[in-house]
Amino acid sequence: MKRLIALALVAFSTLAVADEVQVPQQQPAVEQYTYATDLDIANVISVTPIADVCEVVPAQMTYEDHQGQRHILEYRVMGNGCSNG
């Protein structure tokens, strides 16, 4: 009887550890934004910081669409290093 209880405890502890193991997600391909890009953004996960230069620089946004698929969108923005003085 003790062996049966010990075997059951080992089985349950193995299942508990298996639930904690996460399989790393494969990084999605970077998509280039154009004015014709049809965006389906349900949740923004992250946006890269904008460089402190006075020129157009690339930026990336990682987001999930309404079906839960993760996307990385690269677009161009004006840097934060320009002053109006």
N, C-alpha and C. Protein backbone atom coordinates (compact mmCIF):
# COMPACT_ATOMS: atom_id res chain seq x y z
N MET A 1 0.82 -1.19 0.00
CA MET A 1 0.00 0.00 0.00
C MET A 1 0.87 1.26 0.00
N LYS A 2 1.98 1.22 0.77
CA LYS A 2 2.87 2.37 0.82
C LYS A 2 3.49 2.64 -0.55
N ARG A 3 3.80 1.57 -1.26
CA ARG A 3 4.36 1.74 -2.60
C ARG A 3 3.36 2.40 -3.55
N LEU A 4 2.12 2.02 -3.43
CA LEU A 4 1.08 2.59 -4.27
C LEU A 4 0.91 4.09 -3.99
N ILE A 5 0.93 4.46 -2.73
CA ILE A 5 0.82 5.88 -2.36
C ILE A 5 2.04 6.65 -2.84
N ALA A 6 3.23 6.08 -2.68
CA ALA A 6 4.45 6.74 -3.14
C ALA A 6 4.44 6.90 -4.65
N LEU A 7 4.00 5.88 -5.36
CA LEU A 7 3.92 5.96 -6.82
C LEU A 7 2.94 7.05 -7.26
N ALA A 8 1.80 7.15 -6.57
CA ALA A 8 0.81 8.18 -6.90
C ALA A 8 1.38 9.58 -6.65
N LEU A 9 2.11 9.76 -5.55
CA LEU A 9 2.71 11.06 -5.26
C LEU A 9 3.75 11.44 -6.31
N VAL A 10 4.55 10.49 -6.74
CA VAL A 10 5.55 10.77 -7.78
C VAL A 10 4.86 11.15 -9.09
N ALA A 11 3.79 10.45 -9.42
CA ALA A 11 3.07 10.75 -10.67
C ALA A 11 2.48 12.15 -10.63
N PHE A 12 1.86 12.53 -9.51
CA PHE A 12 1.28 13.86 -9.40
C PHE A 12 2.35 14.95 -9.40
N SER A 13 3.47 14.71 -8.76
CA SER A 13 4.53 15.73 -8.75
C SER A 13 5.14 15.90 -10.13
N THR A 14 5.23 14.82 -10.91
CA THR A 14 5.73 14.93 -12.28
C THR A 14 4.78 15.75 -13.13
N LEU A 15 3.48 15.58 -12.94
CA LEU A 15 2.50 16.37 -13.70
C LEU A 15 2.57 17.84 -13.31
N ALA A 16 2.79 18.13 -12.04
CA ALA A 16 2.88 19.52 -11.59
C ALA A 16 4.09 20.21 -12.20
N VAL A 17 5.21 19.51 -12.29
CA VAL A 17 6.42 20.09 -12.89
C VAL A 17 6.21 20.28 -14.38
N ALA A 18 5.52 19.36 -15.03
CA ALA A 18 5.28 19.47 -16.47
C ALA A 18 4.45 20.71 -16.80
N ASP A 19 3.54 21.10 -15.90
CA ASP A 19 2.73 22.30 -16.15
C ASP A 19 3.56 23.57 -16.10
N GLU A 20 4.65 23.58 -15.34
CA GLU A 20 5.47 24.77 -15.19
C GLU A 20 6.46 24.96 -16.33
N VAL A 21 6.73 23.91 -17.10
CA VAL A 21 7.68 24.00 -18.21
C VAL A 21 6.99 24.71 -19.37
N GLN A 22 7.60 25.77 -19.86
CA GLN A 22 7.03 26.51 -20.97
C GLN A 22 7.91 26.34 -22.20
N VAL A 23 7.28 26.09 -23.32
CA VAL A 23 8.00 25.96 -24.57
C VAL A 23 8.21 27.36 -25.13
N PRO A 24 9.45 27.74 -25.43
CA PRO A 24 9.67 29.09 -25.96
C PRO A 24 8.98 29.27 -27.32
N GLN A 25 8.35 30.44 -27.48
CA GLN A 25 7.68 30.73 -28.74
C GLN A 25 8.69 31.15 -29.79
N GLN A 26 8.45 30.73 -31.01
CA GLN A 26 9.32 31.13 -32.11
C GLN A 26 9.05 32.60 -32.43
N GLN A 27 10.11 33.35 -32.64
CA GLN A 27 10.01 34.79 -32.93
C GLN A 27 9.37 34.97 -34.31
N PRO A 28 8.32 35.77 -34.42
CA PRO A 28 7.70 36.01 -35.73
C PRO A 28 8.61 36.85 -36.62
N ALA A 29 8.40 36.73 -37.92
CA ALA A 29 9.18 37.51 -38.88
C ALA A 29 8.83 38.99 -38.76
N VAL A 30 9.79 39.85 -38.99
CA VAL A 30 9.56 41.31 -38.93
C VAL A 30 8.87 41.74 -40.22
N GLU A 31 7.73 42.40 -40.05
CA GLU A 31 6.96 42.90 -41.19
C GLU A 31 7.26 44.38 -41.38
N GLN A 32 7.44 44.82 -42.61
CA GLN A 32 7.70 46.22 -42.92
C GLN A 32 6.39 46.95 -43.14
N TYR A 33 6.19 48.06 -42.45
CA TYR A 33 4.96 48.84 -42.60
C TYR A 33 4.97 49.64 -43.88
N THR A 34 3.84 49.67 -44.57
CA THR A 34 3.59 50.58 -45.69
C THR A 34 2.20 51.19 -45.45
N TYR A 35 1.87 52.22 -46.20
CA TYR A 35 0.56 52.85 -46.05
C TYR A 35 -0.57 51.88 -46.40
N ALA A 36 -0.28 50.86 -47.19
CA ALA A 36 -1.30 49.89 -47.59
C ALA A 36 -1.41 48.72 -46.60
N THR A 37 -0.59 48.70 -45.56
CA THR A 37 -0.62 47.60 -44.60
C THR A 37 -1.95 47.61 -43.83
N ASP A 38 -2.62 46.45 -43.83
CA ASP A 38 -3.88 46.31 -43.10
C ASP A 38 -3.56 45.83 -41.70
N LEU A 39 -3.71 46.71 -40.70
CA LEU A 39 -3.34 46.38 -39.33
C LEU A 39 -4.52 45.84 -38.55
N ASP A 40 -4.27 44.80 -37.77
CA ASP A 40 -5.26 44.21 -36.86
C ASP A 40 -4.59 44.12 -35.49
N ILE A 41 -4.61 45.21 -34.74
CA ILE A 41 -3.90 45.29 -33.46
C ILE A 41 -4.91 45.20 -32.32
N ALA A 42 -4.81 44.11 -31.56
CA ALA A 42 -5.67 43.93 -30.39
C ALA A 42 -4.94 44.31 -29.11
N ASN A 43 -3.62 44.08 -29.06
CA ASN A 43 -2.86 44.33 -27.84
C ASN A 43 -1.41 44.66 -28.20
N VAL A 44 -0.96 45.85 -27.84
CA VAL A 44 0.44 46.22 -28.06
C VAL A 44 1.27 45.66 -26.91
N ILE A 45 2.29 44.89 -27.24
CA ILE A 45 3.13 44.26 -26.23
C ILE A 45 4.33 45.15 -25.90
N SER A 46 4.99 45.68 -26.94
CA SER A 46 6.14 46.56 -26.69
C SER A 46 6.40 47.42 -27.91
N VAL A 47 7.07 48.55 -27.65
CA VAL A 47 7.52 49.46 -28.71
C VAL A 47 8.96 49.82 -28.38
N THR A 48 9.83 49.78 -29.39
CA THR A 48 11.23 50.12 -29.14
C THR A 48 11.36 51.61 -28.85
N PRO A 49 12.35 51.99 -28.03
CA PRO A 49 12.57 53.42 -27.76
C PRO A 49 13.05 54.15 -29.02
N ILE A 50 12.69 55.41 -29.13
CA ILE A 50 13.07 56.24 -30.29
C ILE A 50 14.43 56.88 -29.99
N ALA A 51 15.33 56.83 -30.97
CA ALA A 51 16.68 57.37 -30.80
C ALA A 51 16.66 58.88 -30.64
N ASP A 52 17.65 59.42 -29.93
CA ASP A 52 17.79 60.87 -29.73
C ASP A 52 18.66 61.48 -30.83
N VAL A 53 18.20 61.38 -32.06
CA VAL A 53 18.87 61.97 -33.22
C VAL A 53 17.84 62.78 -33.99
N CYS A 54 18.33 63.67 -34.82
CA CYS A 54 17.43 64.51 -35.61
C CYS A 54 17.39 63.99 -37.05
N GLU A 55 16.80 62.81 -37.21
CA GLU A 55 16.64 62.19 -38.51
C GLU A 55 15.60 61.08 -38.39
N VAL A 56 15.20 60.55 -39.52
CA VAL A 56 14.24 59.46 -39.54
C VAL A 56 14.96 58.16 -39.16
N VAL A 57 14.38 57.43 -38.21
CA VAL A 57 14.99 56.20 -37.70
C VAL A 57 13.94 55.08 -37.69
N PRO A 58 14.41 53.82 -37.74
CA PRO A 58 13.46 52.70 -37.65
C PRO A 58 13.01 52.47 -36.21
N ALA A 59 11.79 51.99 -36.06
CA ALA A 59 11.25 51.60 -34.76
C ALA A 59 10.46 50.31 -34.98
N GLN A 60 10.28 49.56 -33.91
CA GLN A 60 9.51 48.32 -34.01
C GLN A 60 8.44 48.27 -32.94
N MET A 61 7.31 47.68 -33.32
CA MET A 61 6.21 47.45 -32.39
C MET A 61 5.88 45.97 -32.42
N THR A 62 5.81 45.35 -31.26
CA THR A 62 5.39 43.96 -31.14
C THR A 62 3.96 43.99 -30.63
N TYR A 63 3.08 43.26 -31.31
CA TYR A 63 1.67 43.28 -30.93
C TYR A 63 1.02 41.94 -31.22
N GLU A 64 -0.17 41.75 -30.67
CA GLU A 64 -0.99 40.58 -30.96
C GLU A 64 -2.23 41.03 -31.71
N ASP A 65 -2.64 40.23 -32.69
CA ASP A 65 -3.88 40.55 -33.41
C ASP A 65 -5.07 39.95 -32.66
N HIS A 66 -6.27 40.09 -33.20
CA HIS A 66 -7.48 39.63 -32.52
C HIS A 66 -7.58 38.11 -32.45
N GLN A 67 -6.72 37.39 -33.17
CA GLN A 67 -6.72 35.93 -33.11
C GLN A 67 -5.59 35.41 -32.21
N GLY A 68 -4.87 36.33 -31.55
CA GLY A 68 -3.81 35.93 -30.64
C GLY A 68 -2.46 35.70 -31.29
N GLN A 69 -2.33 35.97 -32.58
CA GLN A 69 -1.05 35.80 -33.27
C GLN A 69 -0.15 37.00 -32.98
N ARG A 70 1.11 36.73 -32.71
CA ARG A 70 2.07 37.80 -32.41
C ARG A 70 2.74 38.28 -33.69
N HIS A 71 2.92 39.60 -33.80
CA HIS A 71 3.54 40.22 -34.97
C HIS A 71 4.59 41.22 -34.50
N ILE A 72 5.60 41.43 -35.36
CA ILE A 72 6.58 42.50 -35.15
C ILE A 72 6.51 43.38 -36.38
N LEU A 73 6.19 44.65 -36.17
CA LEU A 73 6.04 45.59 -37.27
C LEU A 73 7.15 46.63 -37.19
N GLU A 74 7.88 46.79 -38.28
CA GLU A 74 8.92 47.82 -38.32
C GLU A 74 8.41 49.00 -39.14
N TYR A 75 8.62 50.20 -38.62
CA TYR A 75 8.16 51.42 -39.28
C TYR A 75 9.21 52.51 -39.05
N ARG A 76 9.05 53.64 -39.70
CA ARG A 76 10.02 54.74 -39.61
C ARG A 76 9.38 55.90 -38.87
N VAL A 77 10.16 56.52 -37.97
CA VAL A 77 9.70 57.68 -37.19
C VAL A 77 10.80 58.73 -37.16
N MET A 78 10.41 59.96 -36.85
CA MET A 78 11.40 61.02 -36.66
C MET A 78 12.00 60.88 -35.28
N GLY A 79 13.32 60.96 -35.20
CA GLY A 79 14.01 60.81 -33.92
C GLY A 79 13.66 61.94 -32.95
N ASN A 80 13.98 61.73 -31.68
CA ASN A 80 13.67 62.70 -30.63
C ASN A 80 14.74 63.76 -30.43
N GLY A 81 15.76 63.82 -31.28
CA GLY A 81 16.87 64.72 -31.04
C GLY A 81 16.75 66.09 -31.69
N CYS A 82 15.64 66.41 -32.31
CA CYS A 82 15.46 67.71 -32.95
C CYS A 82 14.94 68.73 -31.94
N SER A 83 15.42 69.97 -32.05
CA SER A 83 14.90 71.03 -31.18
C SER A 83 14.33 72.13 -32.05
N ASN A 84 13.40 72.86 -31.51
CA ASN A 84 12.76 73.96 -32.25
C ASN A 84 13.31 75.30 -31.81
N GLY A 85 14.57 75.36 -31.41
CA GLY A 85 15.10 76.61 -30.90
C GLY A 85 16.19 77.09 -31.72
